[in-house]
Protein backbone atom coordinates (compact mmCIF):
# COMPACT_ATOMS: atom_id res chain seq x y z
CA UNK A 1 40.49 -16.08 19.88
CA UNK A 2 37.07 -14.45 19.54
CA UNK A 3 34.29 -15.89 21.68
CA UNK A 4 30.70 -15.96 20.41
CA UNK A 5 28.63 -14.75 23.36
CA UNK A 6 24.89 -14.10 23.46
CA UNK A 7 22.81 -12.93 26.39
CA UNK A 8 20.04 -15.29 27.47
CA UNK A 9 17.76 -14.28 30.36
CA UNK A 10 20.38 -11.79 31.53
CA UNK A 11 23.31 -14.21 31.46
CA UNK A 12 26.12 -14.30 28.92
CA UNK A 13 26.44 -17.67 27.20
CA UNK A 14 29.25 -18.78 24.89
CA UNK A 15 27.87 -20.48 21.74
CA UNK A 16 29.20 -21.96 18.51
CA UNK A 17 29.73 -19.78 15.45
CA UNK A 18 26.66 -21.30 13.74
CA UNK A 19 24.36 -20.55 16.71
CA UNK A 20 25.80 -17.05 17.03
CA UNK A 21 25.21 -16.38 13.30
CA UNK A 22 21.59 -17.59 13.49
CA UNK A 23 20.94 -15.56 16.65
CA UNK A 24 22.48 -12.43 15.10
CA UNK A 25 20.37 -12.84 11.98
CA UNK A 26 17.16 -13.18 14.05
CA UNK A 27 18.14 -10.17 16.15
CA UNK A 28 18.79 -8.03 13.05
CA UNK A 29 15.45 -9.16 11.54
CA UNK A 30 13.58 -8.26 14.74
CA UNK A 31 15.18 -4.80 14.83
CA UNK A 32 14.46 -4.29 11.11
CA UNK A 33 10.79 -5.16 11.56
CA UNK A 34 10.57 -2.88 14.59
CA UNK A 35 12.08 0.04 12.67
CA UNK A 36 10.00 -0.69 9.56
CA UNK A 37 6.68 0.12 11.27
CA UNK A 38 6.51 3.70 12.51
CA UNK A 39 4.80 3.62 15.91
CA UNK A 40 3.07 7.00 15.51
CA UNK A 41 1.08 5.79 12.48
CA UNK A 42 0.15 2.45 14.01
CA UNK A 43 -3.30 1.86 15.43
CA UNK A 44 -3.94 -1.37 17.24
CA UNK A 45 -6.87 -2.56 19.31
CA UNK A 46 -4.60 -3.05 22.31
CA UNK A 47 -3.16 0.46 22.06
CA UNK A 48 -6.58 2.09 21.69
CA UNK A 49 -7.79 0.19 24.75
CA UNK A 50 -4.69 1.24 26.71
CA UNK A 51 -5.25 4.87 25.66
CA UNK A 52 -8.91 4.67 26.66
CA UNK A 53 -10.19 5.19 23.12
CA UNK A 54 -13.33 3.24 22.30
CA UNK A 55 -13.76 1.71 18.85
CA UNK A 56 -17.03 3.64 18.44
CA UNK A 57 -15.00 6.86 18.70
CA UNK A 58 -12.81 5.80 15.78
CA UNK A 59 -15.80 4.71 13.69
CA UNK A 60 -17.64 8.00 14.29
CA UNK A 61 -14.66 10.26 13.64
CA UNK A 62 -15.48 13.51 11.88
CA UNK A 63 -14.75 13.47 8.14
CA UNK A 64 -11.86 15.57 6.89
CA UNK A 65 -12.40 18.75 4.87
CA UNK A 66 -11.27 16.86 1.78
CA UNK A 67 -13.84 14.09 2.37
CA UNK A 68 -16.57 16.71 2.87
CA UNK A 69 -15.65 18.46 -0.41
CA UNK A 70 -15.53 15.17 -2.33
CA UNK A 71 -18.92 14.11 -0.94
CA UNK A 72 -20.38 17.53 -1.81
CA UNK A 73 -19.09 17.26 -5.39
CA UNK A 74 -20.39 13.70 -5.69
CA UNK A 75 -23.82 14.80 -4.41
CA UNK A 76 -23.93 17.62 -6.99
CA UNK A 77 -22.95 15.19 -9.74
CA UNK A 78 -25.62 12.66 -8.67
CA UNK A 79 -28.23 15.43 -8.52
CA UNK A 80 -27.31 16.60 -12.02
CA UNK A 81 -27.42 13.04 -13.34
CA UNK A 82 -30.79 12.41 -11.67
CA UNK A 83 -32.25 15.43 -13.49
CA UNK A 84 -31.29 13.85 -16.81
CA UNK A 85 -32.20 10.28 -15.94
CA UNK A 86 -35.55 10.35 -17.83
CA UNK A 87 -33.72 11.53 -20.98
CA UNK A 88 -31.12 8.76 -20.65
CA UNK A 89 -33.68 6.06 -19.83
CA UNK A 90 -35.66 7.07 -22.93
CA UNK A 91 -32.72 5.81 -25.01
CA UNK A 92 -33.29 2.24 -23.74
CA UNK A 93 -35.49 -0.36 -25.42
CA UNK A 94 -38.77 -1.36 -23.74
CA UNK A 95 -37.24 -4.61 -22.43
CA UNK A 96 -34.26 -2.73 -21.01
CA UNK A 97 -36.57 -0.20 -19.34
CA UNK A 98 -38.64 -3.00 -17.77
CA UNK A 99 -35.51 -4.65 -16.36
CA UNK A 100 -34.19 -1.38 -14.88
CA UNK A 101 -37.63 -0.57 -13.49
CA UNK A 102 -37.96 -4.00 -11.85
CA UNK A 103 -34.49 -4.10 -10.31
CA UNK A 104 -33.96 -0.47 -9.32
CA UNK A 105 -37.38 1.16 -8.96
CA UNK A 106 -39.56 -1.74 -7.82
CA UNK A 107 -36.72 -3.33 -5.84
CA UNK A 108 -37.05 -6.87 -7.16
CA UNK A 109 -34.10 -9.23 -6.91
CA UNK A 110 -32.51 -10.82 -9.98
CA UNK A 111 -34.02 -14.24 -9.28
CA UNK A 112 -37.43 -12.78 -8.55
CA UNK A 113 -37.50 -10.83 -11.82
CA UNK A 114 -36.12 -13.82 -13.76
CA UNK A 115 -38.95 -15.96 -12.36
CA UNK A 116 -41.47 -13.21 -13.25
CA UNK A 117 -40.47 -13.19 -16.93
CA UNK A 118 -39.53 -16.91 -17.10
CA UNK A 119 -35.83 -16.63 -17.98
CA UNK A 120 -32.67 -17.90 -16.24
CA UNK A 121 -31.27 -15.53 -13.59
CA UNK A 122 -27.89 -15.40 -15.39
CA UNK A 123 -29.60 -13.84 -18.40
CA UNK A 124 -30.92 -11.08 -16.15
CA UNK A 125 -27.43 -10.55 -14.69
CA UNK A 126 -25.85 -10.32 -18.15
CA UNK A 127 -28.60 -8.01 -19.43
CA UNK A 128 -28.37 -5.82 -16.32
CA UNK A 129 -24.60 -5.45 -16.67
CA UNK A 130 -24.90 -4.67 -20.38
CA UNK A 131 -27.61 -2.05 -19.72
CA UNK A 132 -25.63 -0.43 -16.90
CA UNK A 133 -22.59 -0.20 -19.20
CA UNK A 134 -24.82 1.35 -21.85
CA UNK A 135 -26.19 3.90 -19.37
CA UNK A 136 -22.69 4.70 -18.15
CA UNK A 137 -21.56 5.33 -21.74
CA UNK A 138 -24.58 7.54 -22.43
CA UNK A 139 -23.83 9.61 -19.32
CA UNK A 140 -20.14 9.91 -20.27
CA UNK A 141 -20.86 10.90 -23.87
CA UNK A 142 -23.69 13.30 -23.08
CA UNK A 143 -22.80 16.67 -21.61
CA UNK A 144 -25.90 17.85 -19.74
CA UNK A 145 -24.48 21.15 -18.54
């Protein structure tokens, strides 16, 4: 006869087959979860505090070489696009130019500009999104190299 024994608080206890099966399943699940998360890639607040690492240190970590290269390329692209912004904006209608000027150059909010020209704010949101899509398409189609 096979006895179903589990260890509880350091003592062996004989249990029914059903209890043993449930306990075994929980034990396997706990081991699976423990193996599923590699400890070396895990960062937790408790572990950083134990290791004496302050959150500010993690937030101010130096960027990687890849991040520096990507940011440099993005800055070059933004600079190139900024050079051609007057050409692209010239392709907008007068109403579209006024909306872009109000929201992005004068810094007005959607509601503020809507109140200024007496239209519902949702119209401004829809127009803004349509204009930004239009500008995006113009930039994608045009090769300013």
